[in-house]
Structure formats: structure tokens, C-alpha cells
N, C-alpha and C. Protein backbone atom coordinates (compact mmCIF):
# COMPACT_ATOMS: atom_id res chain seq x y z
N UNK A 1 159.80 117.04 103.76
CA UNK A 1 158.71 116.75 103.78
C UNK A 1 157.54 117.65 104.32
N UNK A 2 156.42 118.01 103.96
CA UNK A 2 155.63 119.42 104.28
C UNK A 2 154.45 118.74 105.33
N UNK A 3 154.59 119.19 106.64
CA UNK A 3 153.35 118.37 107.40
C UNK A 3 152.05 118.38 106.44
N UNK A 4 151.20 116.75 106.88
CA UNK A 4 150.25 116.58 106.84
C UNK A 4 149.13 117.52 106.96
N UNK A 5 147.80 117.92 106.52
CA UNK A 5 147.10 117.98 106.27
C UNK A 5 146.94 119.46 106.75
N UNK A 6 147.68 120.07 105.61
CA UNK A 6 148.31 121.44 105.54
C UNK A 6 147.25 122.35 105.20
N UNK A 7 147.34 123.89 106.04
CA UNK A 7 146.59 124.16 105.76
C UNK A 7 147.30 125.69 105.21
N UNK A 8 148.68 125.44 105.34
CA UNK A 8 149.41 127.03 105.25
C UNK A 8 148.93 128.12 105.43
N UNK A 9 148.61 128.23 107.37
CA UNK A 9 147.92 129.65 107.47
C UNK A 9 149.50 129.97 108.20
N UNK A 10 149.99 129.68 107.58
CA UNK A 10 151.53 130.32 108.16
C UNK A 10 152.76 129.87 106.84
N UNK A 11 153.99 130.88 106.85
CA UNK A 11 154.82 130.87 105.83
C UNK A 11 155.30 129.68 105.63
N UNK A 12 155.59 129.24 104.27
CA UNK A 12 156.06 128.05 104.32
C UNK A 12 157.77 128.05 103.66
N UNK A 13 158.79 127.91 104.28
CA UNK A 13 160.07 128.24 103.13
C UNK A 13 159.88 126.93 102.24
N UNK A 14 160.55 127.80 101.10
CA UNK A 14 160.80 127.29 99.72
C UNK A 14 162.33 127.46 99.43
N UNK A 15 163.11 126.18 99.67
CA UNK A 15 164.35 126.22 99.29
C UNK A 15 165.02 125.39 98.15
N UNK A 16 164.09 124.79 97.49
CA UNK A 16 164.38 123.63 96.13
C UNK A 16 163.19 123.26 95.45
N UNK A 17 163.22 122.72 94.46
CA UNK A 17 162.01 122.86 93.60
C UNK A 17 161.50 121.43 94.26
N UNK A 18 161.91 120.35 94.80
CA UNK A 18 161.62 119.47 95.81
C UNK A 18 160.53 119.66 96.69
N UNK A 19 161.00 121.38 97.59
CA UNK A 19 160.32 122.06 98.55
C UNK A 19 158.80 122.18 98.26
N UNK A 20 159.19 122.76 96.85
CA UNK A 20 157.90 123.58 96.49
C UNK A 20 157.16 122.30 95.74
N UNK A 21 157.60 121.42 95.38
CA UNK A 21 156.31 120.09 94.82
C UNK A 21 156.06 119.41 95.80
N UNK A 22 156.54 119.57 97.10
CA UNK A 22 156.06 118.50 98.18
C UNK A 22 155.09 119.44 99.01
N UNK A 23 155.19 120.76 98.44
CA UNK A 23 154.18 122.01 99.49
C UNK A 23 152.89 121.60 98.62
N UNK A 24 153.12 121.77 97.27
CA UNK A 24 151.81 121.85 96.24
C UNK A 24 151.36 120.19 96.25
N UNK A 25 152.00 119.55 96.28
CA UNK A 25 151.26 117.83 96.80
C UNK A 25 150.51 117.91 98.05
N UNK A 26 150.75 117.87 99.14
CA UNK A 26 150.30 118.09 100.19
C UNK A 26 149.25 118.77 100.31
N UNK A 27 149.34 119.83 100.02
CA UNK A 27 148.29 120.93 100.07
C UNK A 27 147.35 120.71 99.28
N UNK A 28 147.15 120.52 97.76
CA UNK A 28 146.29 119.69 96.93
C UNK A 28 145.33 118.32 98.04
N UNK A 29 146.40 117.20 98.57
CA UNK A 29 145.97 116.49 98.44
C UNK A 29 145.35 116.87 100.47
N UNK A 30 145.43 117.35 101.00
CA UNK A 30 144.59 117.66 102.32
C UNK A 30 143.37 118.87 101.98
N UNK A 31 143.11 118.93 100.82
CA UNK A 31 142.06 119.65 100.23
C UNK A 31 141.24 119.05 99.48
N UNK A 32 141.70 117.40 99.80
CA UNK A 32 140.76 116.24 98.49
C UNK A 32 141.04 116.67 97.22
N UNK A 33 141.56 116.97 96.43
CA UNK A 33 141.90 117.01 95.34
C UNK A 33 143.03 116.19 94.34
N UNK A 34 142.64 115.87 93.18
CA UNK A 34 143.42 114.52 92.63
C UNK A 34 144.08 115.74 91.78
N UNK A 35 145.39 114.87 91.41
CA UNK A 35 146.05 115.98 90.22
C UNK A 35 145.09 116.21 89.38
N UNK A 36 144.43 115.09 88.38
CA UNK A 36 143.71 115.71 87.36
C UNK A 36 142.65 116.44 87.81
N UNK A 37 142.17 116.71 88.85
CA UNK A 37 141.22 117.99 89.05
C UNK A 37 142.43 119.36 89.01
N UNK A 38 142.97 119.41 89.71
CA UNK A 38 144.48 120.60 89.51
C UNK A 38 144.62 120.61 88.29
N UNK A 39 144.93 119.98 87.13
CA UNK A 39 145.42 119.81 86.31
C UNK A 39 143.93 120.49 85.00
N UNK A 40 142.94 120.02 85.11
CA UNK A 40 141.80 120.48 84.69
C UNK A 40 142.25 122.24 84.84
N UNK A 41 141.31 122.36 86.30
CA UNK A 41 141.14 123.31 86.61
C UNK A 41 142.31 124.67 85.87
N UNK A 42 143.77 123.71 86.47
CA UNK A 42 145.07 125.02 85.97
C UNK A 42 145.25 124.99 84.85
N UNK A 43 144.69 124.37 83.77
CA UNK A 43 144.63 124.37 81.91
C UNK A 43 145.87 123.66 81.85
N UNK A 44 146.55 122.98 82.53
CA UNK A 44 147.90 122.26 82.36
C UNK A 44 147.60 120.52 81.77
N UNK A 45 148.69 119.82 81.69
CA UNK A 45 148.39 118.38 81.81
C UNK A 45 148.88 117.65 82.45
N UNK A 46 148.08 116.72 82.72
CA UNK A 46 148.15 115.89 84.01
C UNK A 46 149.66 115.58 83.99
N UNK A 47 150.87 115.32 83.34
CA UNK A 47 152.19 115.32 83.26
C UNK A 47 153.02 116.01 84.03
N UNK A 48 152.34 117.45 83.83
CA UNK A 48 153.13 118.69 84.35
C UNK A 48 152.96 118.62 85.53
N UNK A 49 151.76 118.83 86.07
CA UNK A 49 151.55 118.50 87.67
C UNK A 49 152.34 116.91 88.60
N UNK A 50 151.97 116.35 87.85
CA UNK A 50 153.34 115.06 87.93
C UNK A 50 154.68 115.37 87.99
N UNK A 51 155.20 116.05 87.42
CA UNK A 51 156.57 116.96 87.22
C UNK A 51 156.62 117.68 88.04
N UNK A 52 155.86 118.35 88.41
CA UNK A 52 155.80 119.82 89.60
C UNK A 52 155.96 119.37 90.84
N UNK A 53 154.96 118.34 91.13
CA UNK A 53 155.12 117.42 92.33
C UNK A 53 155.96 116.80 92.58
N UNK A 54 157.27 116.56 91.89
CA UNK A 54 158.15 115.57 91.94
C UNK A 54 159.55 116.32 91.78
N UNK A 55 159.01 117.41 92.17
CA UNK A 55 160.63 118.50 91.91
C UNK A 55 161.25 119.00 90.86
N UNK A 56 161.08 118.32 89.44
CA UNK A 56 161.35 118.85 88.28
C UNK A 56 161.74 120.12 88.00
N UNK A 57 163.15 120.22 87.88
CA UNK A 57 163.75 121.59 88.23
C UNK A 57 163.17 122.50 86.38
N UNK A 58 162.93 122.07 85.74
CA UNK A 58 162.93 122.62 84.53
C UNK A 58 161.34 123.00 84.15
N UNK A 59 159.97 123.20 85.20
CA UNK A 59 158.84 123.27 84.84
C UNK A 59 158.65 124.52 84.74
N UNK A 60 157.75 125.27 83.83
CA UNK A 60 157.10 126.79 83.33
C UNK A 60 156.86 127.41 84.67
N UNK A 61 157.35 128.56 84.73
CA UNK A 61 156.92 129.26 85.96
C UNK A 61 155.72 129.53 85.60
N UNK A 62 155.27 130.06 84.74
CA UNK A 62 153.54 130.70 84.23
C UNK A 62 152.84 129.48 84.77
N UNK A 63 152.93 128.43 84.37
CA UNK A 63 151.88 127.50 84.92
C UNK A 63 152.21 126.93 86.08
N UNK A 64 153.44 126.88 87.11
CA UNK A 64 153.72 126.91 88.27
C UNK A 64 152.82 127.92 88.50
N UNK A 65 152.12 129.33 88.42
CA UNK A 65 151.63 130.38 89.36
C UNK A 65 150.28 129.42 88.72
N UNK A 66 149.62 129.34 87.57
CA UNK A 66 148.42 128.64 87.15
C UNK A 66 148.00 127.86 88.06
N UNK A 67 149.05 127.07 89.05
CA UNK A 67 148.55 125.96 89.87
C UNK A 67 148.61 126.46 90.99
N UNK A 68 149.41 127.58 91.70
CA UNK A 68 149.16 128.05 93.06
C UNK A 68 148.04 129.12 93.05
N UNK A 69 147.59 129.73 91.81
CA UNK A 69 146.35 130.47 91.64
C UNK A 69 144.86 129.40 91.77
N UNK A 70 144.89 128.52 91.31
CA UNK A 70 143.69 127.69 91.76
C UNK A 70 143.76 126.98 92.46
N UNK A 71 144.90 126.34 93.50
CA UNK A 71 144.85 126.10 94.85
C UNK A 71 144.69 127.49 95.56
N UNK A 72 144.44 128.64 95.25
CA UNK A 72 144.42 129.98 96.28
C UNK A 72 145.40 129.92 97.10
N UNK A 73 146.43 129.80 96.22
CA UNK A 73 148.20 130.05 97.11
C UNK A 73 148.69 130.83 96.22
N UNK A 74 149.70 132.06 96.68
CA UNK A 74 150.75 132.58 96.02
C UNK A 74 151.91 132.44 96.50
N UNK A 75 152.85 132.86 95.41
CA UNK A 75 154.31 133.01 95.73
C UNK A 75 154.56 134.69 96.06
N UNK A 76 155.21 134.65 97.20
CA UNK A 76 156.19 135.49 97.59
C UNK A 76 157.49 135.50 97.73
N UNK A 77 158.00 136.61 97.83
CA UNK A 77 160.06 136.33 97.62
C UNK A 77 160.44 137.32 98.71
N UNK A 78 160.84 137.20 99.57
CA UNK A 78 161.43 137.85 100.81
C UNK A 78 162.55 137.55 101.02
N UNK A 79 163.69 138.85 101.03
CA UNK A 79 164.53 139.05 101.52
C UNK A 79 165.63 137.25 102.54
N UNK A 80 166.56 136.89 102.57
CA UNK A 80 166.78 135.86 103.72
C UNK A 80 167.31 136.69 105.24
N UNK A 81 167.26 136.00 106.03
CA UNK A 81 167.99 136.79 107.29
C UNK A 81 169.64 136.91 107.17
N UNK A 82 170.24 137.78 107.23
CA UNK A 82 171.48 137.86 107.24
C UNK A 82 171.81 137.78 108.88
N UNK A 83 172.93 136.99 108.98
CA UNK A 83 173.84 136.97 110.14
C UNK A 83 174.85 138.19 110.55
């Protein structure tokens, strides 16, 4: 689980859809936003936000990016450190 009162001043490693859902949920909550707030702003259904925050593996990437954008977050990809 991601830390509470998340401000995301640092990078958060996301390895699973559950990690992503937890990150979004914790950040949304820390900003005092409801799932309905986000679904309205991102032009998605409330069910999509629920499924995203619950780590559903088959959510639509374009909608995920819309949600991140509404929250003021962005997705970046970096190469894993190899030993």
C-alpha cells in the first residue's frame, strides 16, 4: 500500500495494476477528492474509477491516462536497474 497523505514529490514504483490502483486511490484521497469527483472530471464512469483503484488488469490505458492527467500526475517509463 502507498503511504497515506501522499504528495508524490518522489517517484513511486508501480509493478502491478494493484500498485497503480493504490497509488491513484491514496493520492485522490489525500487531495480530498471522491471517486465521483474524478470520474466527472476525467469523463469516465464511476465504475471505471472503482475498477482502476481495485487494480483491475483490463482497464483502458487511455482512460487511465485521463485520470492521471486530472490528478496532475503523469506516467513515465524507465529502465529497471540490472545487476
